[in-house]
N, C-alpha and C. Protein backbone atom coordinates (compact mmCIF):
# COMPACT_ATOMS: atom_id res chain seq x y z
N MET A 1 118.71 85.30 113.73
CA MET A 1 118.61 84.55 112.49
C MET A 1 117.98 85.44 111.42
N ASN A 2 118.57 85.51 110.27
CA ASN A 2 118.06 86.33 109.19
C ASN A 2 117.11 85.50 108.33
N HIS A 3 115.85 85.90 108.28
CA HIS A 3 114.84 85.19 107.49
C HIS A 3 114.68 85.76 106.11
N PHE A 4 115.40 86.82 105.81
CA PHE A 4 115.31 87.47 104.51
C PHE A 4 115.90 86.53 103.47
N SER A 5 115.17 86.30 102.40
CA SER A 5 115.66 85.33 101.43
C SER A 5 115.96 85.98 100.09
N ARG A 6 116.76 85.29 99.33
CA ARG A 6 116.94 85.68 97.93
C ARG A 6 115.76 85.12 97.16
N GLU A 7 115.53 85.66 95.99
CA GLU A 7 114.37 85.23 95.22
C GLU A 7 114.48 83.81 94.71
N THR A 8 115.64 83.20 94.73
CA THR A 8 115.78 81.85 94.23
C THR A 8 115.52 80.82 95.31
N GLU A 9 115.38 81.24 96.54
CA GLU A 9 115.15 80.32 97.63
C GLU A 9 113.70 80.37 98.06
N MET A 10 113.20 79.29 98.64
CA MET A 10 111.87 79.29 99.23
C MET A 10 112.04 79.04 100.71
N PRO A 11 111.93 80.10 101.53
CA PRO A 11 112.14 79.93 102.96
C PRO A 11 110.95 79.24 103.61
N THR A 12 111.16 78.76 104.79
CA THR A 12 110.08 78.16 105.54
C THR A 12 109.56 79.18 106.54
N ASN A 13 108.26 79.10 106.79
CA ASN A 13 107.60 79.94 107.79
C ASN A 13 107.79 81.43 107.55
N CYS A 14 107.86 81.87 106.33
CA CYS A 14 107.99 83.29 106.03
C CYS A 14 106.81 83.74 105.18
N SER A 15 106.37 84.95 105.44
CA SER A 15 105.37 85.56 104.59
C SER A 15 106.05 86.05 103.32
N VAL A 16 105.31 86.00 102.22
CA VAL A 16 105.83 86.44 100.94
C VAL A 16 105.32 87.84 100.66
N ILE A 17 106.24 88.77 100.45
CA ILE A 17 105.89 90.12 100.02
C ILE A 17 106.35 90.27 98.58
N LEU A 18 105.41 90.68 97.74
CA LEU A 18 105.69 90.91 96.33
C LEU A 18 105.67 92.41 96.07
N ILE A 19 106.79 92.95 95.63
CA ILE A 19 106.90 94.38 95.33
C ILE A 19 106.87 94.58 93.82
N ALA A 20 105.97 95.45 93.37
CA ALA A 20 105.90 95.83 91.96
C ALA A 20 106.37 97.27 91.85
N ASP A 21 107.57 97.46 91.31
CA ASP A 21 108.16 98.79 91.20
C ASP A 21 109.21 98.75 90.11
N ASP A 22 109.21 99.74 89.22
CA ASP A 22 110.16 99.75 88.11
C ASP A 22 111.46 100.47 88.43
N ASP A 23 111.54 101.11 89.59
CA ASP A 23 112.74 101.87 89.96
C ASP A 23 113.73 100.96 90.70
N GLU A 24 114.82 100.63 90.04
CA GLU A 24 115.82 99.72 90.63
C GLU A 24 116.39 100.26 91.94
N ASP A 25 116.59 101.57 92.02
CA ASP A 25 117.11 102.16 93.26
C ASP A 25 116.12 102.00 94.40
N ASP A 26 114.83 102.23 94.12
CA ASP A 26 113.80 102.04 95.15
C ASP A 26 113.74 100.58 95.60
N LEU A 27 113.83 99.66 94.63
CA LEU A 27 113.81 98.24 94.98
C LEU A 27 114.98 97.87 95.88
N LEU A 28 116.16 98.37 95.54
CA LEU A 28 117.34 98.10 96.35
C LEU A 28 117.18 98.66 97.76
N LEU A 29 116.68 99.89 97.86
CA LEU A 29 116.46 100.49 99.18
C LEU A 29 115.43 99.71 99.99
N MET A 30 114.34 99.30 99.34
CA MET A 30 113.31 98.52 100.05
C MET A 30 113.85 97.17 100.49
N ARG A 31 114.63 96.55 99.62
CA ARG A 31 115.24 95.26 99.97
C ARG A 31 116.13 95.42 101.20
N ASP A 32 116.96 96.46 101.21
CA ASP A 32 117.85 96.72 102.35
C ASP A 32 117.05 97.08 103.60
N ALA A 33 116.01 97.89 103.44
CA ALA A 33 115.20 98.30 104.58
C ALA A 33 114.49 97.10 105.20
N PHE A 34 113.94 96.23 104.39
CA PHE A 34 113.31 95.02 104.93
C PHE A 34 114.34 94.13 105.61
N ALA A 35 115.54 94.07 105.05
CA ALA A 35 116.58 93.22 105.62
C ALA A 35 116.93 93.63 107.05
N VAL A 36 116.91 94.94 107.32
CA VAL A 36 117.25 95.41 108.67
C VAL A 36 116.02 95.55 109.57
N SER A 37 114.82 95.33 109.02
CA SER A 37 113.59 95.51 109.79
C SER A 37 113.38 94.42 110.83
N GLY A 38 113.98 93.25 110.61
CA GLY A 38 113.80 92.16 111.55
C GLY A 38 112.54 91.35 111.31
N ILE A 39 111.80 91.64 110.26
CA ILE A 39 110.57 90.90 109.97
C ILE A 39 110.93 89.71 109.08
N PRO A 40 110.58 88.50 109.51
CA PRO A 40 110.87 87.33 108.67
C PRO A 40 109.99 87.36 107.42
N LEU A 41 110.61 87.37 106.26
CA LEU A 41 109.84 87.41 105.02
C LEU A 41 110.63 86.87 103.85
N ASP A 42 109.89 86.58 102.82
CA ASP A 42 110.44 86.15 101.54
C ASP A 42 110.05 87.25 100.56
N LEU A 43 111.02 88.02 100.11
CA LEU A 43 110.76 89.18 99.28
C LEU A 43 110.92 88.82 97.80
N ARG A 44 109.89 89.13 97.02
CA ARG A 44 109.90 88.91 95.58
C ARG A 44 109.66 90.25 94.90
N THR A 45 110.18 90.44 93.70
CA THR A 45 110.00 91.70 93.00
C THR A 45 109.64 91.47 91.54
N VAL A 46 108.85 92.41 91.01
CA VAL A 46 108.53 92.49 89.59
C VAL A 46 108.67 93.95 89.19
N SER A 47 108.85 94.20 87.89
CA SER A 47 109.20 95.56 87.46
C SER A 47 108.06 96.38 86.87
N ASP A 48 106.89 95.78 86.69
CA ASP A 48 105.75 96.55 86.18
C ASP A 48 104.46 95.78 86.41
N GLY A 49 103.34 96.42 86.08
CA GLY A 49 102.04 95.81 86.32
C GLY A 49 101.80 94.56 85.50
N GLU A 50 102.32 94.53 84.28
CA GLU A 50 102.16 93.35 83.44
C GLU A 50 102.88 92.15 84.06
N GLU A 51 104.11 92.36 84.52
CA GLU A 51 104.86 91.28 85.16
C GLU A 51 104.21 90.86 86.48
N LEU A 52 103.63 91.82 87.20
CA LEU A 52 102.90 91.50 88.43
C LEU A 52 101.77 90.52 88.14
N LEU A 53 101.00 90.79 87.10
CA LEU A 53 99.89 89.89 86.75
C LEU A 53 100.40 88.54 86.24
N GLU A 54 101.51 88.53 85.51
CA GLU A 54 102.10 87.26 85.10
C GLU A 54 102.46 86.44 86.33
N TYR A 55 103.03 87.07 87.33
CA TYR A 55 103.39 86.39 88.57
C TYR A 55 102.14 85.85 89.26
N LEU A 56 101.15 86.70 89.44
CA LEU A 56 99.95 86.30 90.19
C LEU A 56 99.14 85.23 89.48
N PHE A 57 99.10 85.27 88.16
CA PHE A 57 98.37 84.27 87.39
C PHE A 57 99.25 83.08 86.98
N ARG A 58 100.49 83.07 87.45
CA ARG A 58 101.46 82.02 87.18
C ARG A 58 101.60 81.75 85.68
N ARG A 59 101.92 82.80 84.98
CA ARG A 59 102.16 82.70 83.55
C ARG A 59 103.64 82.89 83.27
N SER A 60 104.06 82.44 82.10
CA SER A 60 105.42 82.64 81.63
C SER A 60 106.41 82.03 82.62
N LYS A 61 107.40 82.79 83.04
CA LYS A 61 108.45 82.26 83.93
C LYS A 61 107.97 82.04 85.36
N TYR A 62 106.72 82.39 85.66
CA TYR A 62 106.20 82.26 87.02
C TYR A 62 105.26 81.07 87.20
N GLU A 63 105.30 80.11 86.30
CA GLU A 63 104.38 78.97 86.35
C GLU A 63 104.60 78.08 87.57
N ASP A 64 105.82 77.93 88.02
CA ASP A 64 106.13 77.04 89.13
C ASP A 64 105.76 77.69 90.47
N PRO A 65 104.79 77.10 91.20
CA PRO A 65 104.37 77.71 92.47
C PRO A 65 105.47 77.71 93.53
N PHE A 66 106.45 76.84 93.39
CA PHE A 66 107.57 76.84 94.32
C PHE A 66 108.45 78.07 94.11
N LEU A 67 108.62 78.46 92.85
CA LEU A 67 109.46 79.61 92.52
C LEU A 67 108.69 80.93 92.56
N SER A 68 107.36 80.85 92.49
CA SER A 68 106.54 82.07 92.56
C SER A 68 105.38 81.84 93.53
N PRO A 69 105.71 81.75 94.82
CA PRO A 69 104.66 81.48 95.82
C PRO A 69 103.67 82.64 95.91
N GLU A 70 102.45 82.31 96.25
CA GLU A 70 101.41 83.33 96.38
C GLU A 70 101.80 84.32 97.46
N PRO A 71 101.73 85.60 97.14
CA PRO A 71 102.13 86.60 98.14
C PRO A 71 101.11 86.76 99.25
N THR A 72 101.61 87.07 100.43
CA THR A 72 100.78 87.43 101.56
C THR A 72 100.37 88.89 101.43
N LEU A 73 101.24 89.69 100.81
CA LEU A 73 101.06 91.13 100.69
C LEU A 73 101.72 91.61 99.40
N ILE A 74 101.06 92.57 98.73
CA ILE A 74 101.63 93.20 97.54
C ILE A 74 101.89 94.66 97.86
N LEU A 75 103.11 95.13 97.56
CA LEU A 75 103.44 96.56 97.62
C LEU A 75 103.50 97.04 96.18
N LEU A 76 102.68 98.03 95.85
CA LEU A 76 102.45 98.41 94.47
C LEU A 76 102.77 99.87 94.21
N ASP A 77 103.69 100.12 93.28
CA ASP A 77 103.97 101.47 92.82
C ASP A 77 102.91 101.82 91.77
N LEU A 78 102.62 103.09 91.61
CA LEU A 78 101.60 103.49 90.63
C LEU A 78 102.15 103.71 89.24
N ASN A 79 103.27 104.39 89.13
CA ASN A 79 103.77 104.79 87.82
C ASN A 79 104.83 103.83 87.32
N MET A 80 104.36 102.88 86.50
CA MET A 80 105.25 101.86 85.93
C MET A 80 104.95 101.72 84.45
N PRO A 81 105.90 101.21 83.68
CA PRO A 81 105.67 101.00 82.24
C PRO A 81 104.76 99.79 81.99
N ARG A 82 104.37 99.64 80.76
CA ARG A 82 103.53 98.56 80.24
C ARG A 82 102.13 98.54 80.86
N LYS A 83 102.02 98.38 82.15
CA LYS A 83 100.74 98.42 82.84
C LYS A 83 100.99 99.11 84.16
N ASN A 84 100.30 100.23 84.39
CA ASN A 84 100.57 100.98 85.62
C ASN A 84 99.90 100.33 86.83
N GLY A 85 100.17 100.86 87.99
CA GLY A 85 99.67 100.29 89.23
C GLY A 85 98.15 100.31 89.33
N ARG A 86 97.52 101.35 88.83
CA ARG A 86 96.05 101.43 88.88
C ARG A 86 95.42 100.32 88.05
N GLU A 87 95.96 100.10 86.85
CA GLU A 87 95.43 99.06 85.98
C GLU A 87 95.62 97.68 86.60
N ALA A 88 96.80 97.44 87.16
CA ALA A 88 97.07 96.15 87.80
C ALA A 88 96.17 95.95 89.02
N LEU A 89 96.01 97.01 89.82
CA LEU A 89 95.16 96.94 91.01
C LEU A 89 93.72 96.59 90.62
N ALA A 90 93.21 97.22 89.58
CA ALA A 90 91.84 96.93 89.12
C ALA A 90 91.69 95.47 88.73
N GLU A 91 92.68 94.90 88.04
CA GLU A 91 92.60 93.49 87.63
C GLU A 91 92.69 92.55 88.83
N ILE A 92 93.56 92.87 89.77
CA ILE A 92 93.70 92.03 90.97
C ILE A 92 92.40 92.02 91.75
N LYS A 93 91.83 93.18 91.97
CA LYS A 93 90.63 93.27 92.81
C LYS A 93 89.37 92.79 92.09
N ALA A 94 89.44 92.62 90.77
CA ALA A 94 88.30 92.07 90.02
C ALA A 94 88.30 90.54 90.03
N HIS A 95 89.39 89.93 90.43
CA HIS A 95 89.53 88.48 90.42
C HIS A 95 89.06 87.91 91.75
N ARG A 96 88.20 86.91 91.73
CA ARG A 96 87.57 86.41 92.96
C ARG A 96 88.54 85.81 93.97
N ILE A 97 89.67 85.31 93.54
CA ILE A 97 90.65 84.74 94.48
C ILE A 97 91.72 85.76 94.82
N LEU A 98 92.26 86.43 93.82
CA LEU A 98 93.35 87.37 94.05
C LEU A 98 92.92 88.58 94.87
N ARG A 99 91.64 88.94 94.82
CA ARG A 99 91.18 90.13 95.55
C ARG A 99 91.41 90.03 97.05
N GLN A 100 91.61 88.82 97.55
CA GLN A 100 91.84 88.63 98.99
C GLN A 100 93.25 89.04 99.42
N ILE A 101 94.15 89.16 98.49
CA ILE A 101 95.52 89.55 98.83
C ILE A 101 95.55 91.06 99.11
N PRO A 102 96.01 91.48 100.27
CA PRO A 102 96.11 92.92 100.54
C PRO A 102 97.10 93.58 99.59
N VAL A 103 96.70 94.75 99.08
CA VAL A 103 97.56 95.53 98.20
C VAL A 103 97.77 96.90 98.84
N VAL A 104 99.02 97.17 99.18
CA VAL A 104 99.39 98.47 99.72
C VAL A 104 100.05 99.27 98.61
N VAL A 105 99.44 100.38 98.25
CA VAL A 105 100.04 101.26 97.25
C VAL A 105 101.15 102.02 97.96
N LEU A 106 102.37 101.89 97.44
CA LEU A 106 103.55 102.55 98.00
C LEU A 106 104.19 103.33 96.87
N THR A 107 103.96 104.64 96.88
CA THR A 107 104.32 105.46 95.73
C THR A 107 104.77 106.84 96.18
N THR A 108 105.31 107.61 95.25
CA THR A 108 105.76 108.97 95.57
C THR A 108 104.62 109.98 95.49
N SER A 109 103.52 109.63 94.86
CA SER A 109 102.42 110.58 94.64
C SER A 109 101.65 110.86 95.93
N LYS A 110 101.41 112.14 96.16
CA LYS A 110 100.55 112.58 97.26
C LYS A 110 99.26 113.20 96.70
N GLU A 111 99.02 113.01 95.41
CA GLU A 111 97.87 113.60 94.74
C GLU A 111 96.56 113.03 95.30
N THR A 112 95.65 113.91 95.64
CA THR A 112 94.36 113.50 96.18
C THR A 112 93.62 112.57 95.22
N LEU A 113 93.68 112.86 93.92
CA LEU A 113 93.01 112.03 92.93
C LEU A 113 93.59 110.62 92.90
N ASP A 114 94.92 110.48 92.99
CA ASP A 114 95.55 109.16 93.03
C ASP A 114 95.08 108.37 94.25
N ILE A 115 95.08 109.03 95.39
CA ILE A 115 94.66 108.38 96.63
C ILE A 115 93.21 107.91 96.51
N GLN A 116 92.34 108.79 96.07
CA GLN A 116 90.92 108.46 95.91
C GLN A 116 90.72 107.29 94.94
N GLN A 117 91.37 107.36 93.79
CA GLN A 117 91.22 106.30 92.78
C GLN A 117 91.69 104.95 93.31
N CYS A 118 92.80 104.95 94.02
CA CYS A 118 93.34 103.68 94.52
C CYS A 118 92.40 103.04 95.53
N TYR A 119 91.85 103.84 96.41
CA TYR A 119 90.88 103.27 97.37
C TYR A 119 89.62 102.81 96.66
N GLU A 120 89.16 103.55 95.66
CA GLU A 120 87.99 103.12 94.89
C GLU A 120 88.24 101.81 94.16
N LEU A 121 89.48 101.59 93.74
CA LEU A 121 89.84 100.35 93.04
C LEU A 121 90.07 99.18 94.00
N GLY A 122 90.11 99.45 95.31
CA GLY A 122 90.23 98.37 96.28
C GLY A 122 91.55 98.28 97.00
N ALA A 123 92.37 99.31 96.93
CA ALA A 123 93.64 99.28 97.67
C ALA A 123 93.36 99.11 99.16
N SER A 124 94.20 98.33 99.81
CA SER A 124 94.07 98.12 101.25
C SER A 124 94.61 99.29 102.04
N SER A 125 95.65 99.93 101.51
CA SER A 125 96.28 101.10 102.13
C SER A 125 96.97 101.90 101.04
N TYR A 126 97.23 103.16 101.35
CA TYR A 126 97.95 104.04 100.43
C TYR A 126 99.02 104.74 101.26
N VAL A 127 100.29 104.53 100.91
CA VAL A 127 101.40 105.08 101.68
C VAL A 127 102.33 105.81 100.71
N THR A 128 102.72 107.02 101.08
CA THR A 128 103.68 107.77 100.29
C THR A 128 105.09 107.35 100.69
N LYS A 129 105.92 107.07 99.69
CA LYS A 129 107.30 106.68 99.96
C LYS A 129 108.01 107.81 100.72
N PRO A 130 108.63 107.46 101.83
CA PRO A 130 109.32 108.50 102.61
C PRO A 130 110.68 108.84 102.00
N ASN A 131 111.21 109.97 102.41
CA ASN A 131 112.57 110.36 102.03
C ASN A 131 113.51 109.88 103.12
N GLY A 132 114.59 109.28 102.74
CA GLY A 132 115.59 108.82 103.70
C GLY A 132 115.42 107.36 104.07
N PHE A 133 116.55 106.70 104.23
CA PHE A 133 116.56 105.27 104.50
C PHE A 133 115.93 104.93 105.85
N ASP A 134 116.25 105.67 106.90
CA ASP A 134 115.69 105.38 108.23
C ASP A 134 114.17 105.49 108.23
N SER A 135 113.66 106.49 107.54
CA SER A 135 112.20 106.65 107.44
C SER A 135 111.59 105.49 106.66
N LEU A 136 112.28 105.04 105.62
CA LEU A 136 111.79 103.90 104.84
C LEU A 136 111.76 102.64 105.70
N VAL A 137 112.79 102.42 106.48
CA VAL A 137 112.81 101.27 107.39
C VAL A 137 111.62 101.33 108.32
N ASP A 138 111.36 102.50 108.91
CA ASP A 138 110.23 102.65 109.83
C ASP A 138 108.90 102.35 109.14
N VAL A 139 108.71 102.89 107.93
CA VAL A 139 107.46 102.67 107.21
C VAL A 139 107.28 101.20 106.86
N LEU A 140 108.32 100.57 106.33
CA LEU A 140 108.21 99.16 105.94
C LEU A 140 108.05 98.25 107.15
N LYS A 141 108.69 98.60 108.25
CA LYS A 141 108.52 97.84 109.49
C LYS A 141 107.07 97.93 109.96
N THR A 142 106.49 99.12 109.89
CA THR A 142 105.10 99.31 110.29
C THR A 142 104.16 98.53 109.38
N ILE A 143 104.37 98.63 108.07
CA ILE A 143 103.56 97.89 107.11
C ILE A 143 103.68 96.39 107.38
N GLY A 144 104.91 95.92 107.51
CA GLY A 144 105.14 94.50 107.74
C GLY A 144 104.51 94.01 109.03
N LYS A 145 104.72 94.71 110.11
CA LYS A 145 104.15 94.30 111.40
C LYS A 145 102.62 94.26 111.33
N TYR A 146 102.04 95.28 110.70
CA TYR A 146 100.57 95.32 110.62
C TYR A 146 100.03 94.18 109.76
N TRP A 147 100.50 94.09 108.50
CA TRP A 147 99.93 93.14 107.55
C TRP A 147 100.39 91.70 107.76
N LEU A 148 101.58 91.50 108.35
CA LEU A 148 102.10 90.14 108.49
C LEU A 148 101.98 89.59 109.90
N GLU A 149 101.83 90.47 110.89
CA GLU A 149 101.81 89.99 112.28
C GLU A 149 100.56 90.36 113.06
N THR A 150 99.88 91.44 112.68
CA THR A 150 98.77 91.93 113.49
C THR A 150 97.41 91.48 112.98
N VAL A 151 97.12 91.73 111.70
CA VAL A 151 95.79 91.42 111.17
C VAL A 151 95.63 89.93 110.90
N GLU A 152 94.38 89.51 110.88
CA GLU A 152 94.03 88.15 110.49
C GLU A 152 93.62 88.19 109.02
N LEU A 153 94.32 87.43 108.21
CA LEU A 153 94.02 87.37 106.78
C LEU A 153 93.35 86.05 106.46
N PRO A 154 92.61 85.97 105.35
CA PRO A 154 92.00 84.69 104.97
C PRO A 154 93.06 83.62 104.84
N SER A 155 92.68 82.39 105.15
CA SER A 155 93.66 81.31 105.05
C SER A 155 94.06 81.14 103.59
N ARG A 156 95.32 80.79 103.43
CA ARG A 156 95.86 80.61 102.09
C ARG A 156 95.43 79.27 101.57
N ARG A 157 95.07 79.25 100.31
CA ARG A 157 94.67 77.99 99.69
C ARG A 157 95.89 77.28 99.13
N PRO A 158 95.81 75.97 98.96
CA PRO A 158 96.93 75.23 98.35
C PRO A 158 97.18 75.75 96.93
N PRO A 159 98.42 75.63 96.43
CA PRO A 159 98.76 76.17 95.10
C PRO A 159 97.87 75.66 93.98
N ASP A 160 97.34 74.43 94.07
CA ASP A 160 96.54 73.89 92.98
C ASP A 160 95.04 74.07 93.19
N ALA A 161 94.61 74.64 94.30
CA ALA A 161 93.18 74.81 94.57
C ALA A 161 92.64 75.97 93.75
N GLY A 162 91.41 75.88 93.44
CA GLY A 162 90.74 76.99 92.76
C GLY A 162 90.88 76.94 91.26
N GLY A 163 91.95 76.40 90.75
CA GLY A 163 92.14 76.15 89.34
C GLY A 163 92.02 77.34 88.41
N ASP A 164 91.31 78.40 88.81
CA ASP A 164 91.10 79.50 87.86
C ASP A 164 92.09 80.62 87.99
N ARG A 165 93.15 80.40 88.75
CA ARG A 165 94.17 81.44 88.90
C ARG A 165 94.82 81.73 87.56
N HIS A 166 94.83 80.76 86.68
CA HIS A 166 95.46 80.93 85.37
C HIS A 166 94.58 81.65 84.38
N LEU A 167 93.36 82.00 84.74
CA LEU A 167 92.45 82.66 83.81
C LEU A 167 92.94 84.01 83.39
């Protein structure tokens, strides 16, 4: 049974992965890699850090919690327009509710300074995007199995609890 959903559907019993990446080719490859990974999930995408925060704070087109469910995991690219991954990560980790969502930086940069800064800002993991589709499938399968099946995460609150998500 394929648990991979389109963004217009809300699957049952699936973890939500939100990918923030401005590269359409990378998004397509990640979508395909997750589809063959066998991990049941609901994949959502945004194209930059500003849109990521709109999604997380349920602003603009993301107001409906049914259409923009809270992610179990965020995969974050660093180099994006409008608001880059570092800026978005800092805002997420500064928020008392959103900081509980694991953020895996998934980027092409292997720069020591980028890695250091991301961990200082609160990244849960830092992974360099692999070359080749098979390697991408392996990396995403590992990330998915670890964050969605292995670790214990804080219980998710109801969509209307906390009230300050819109701040």
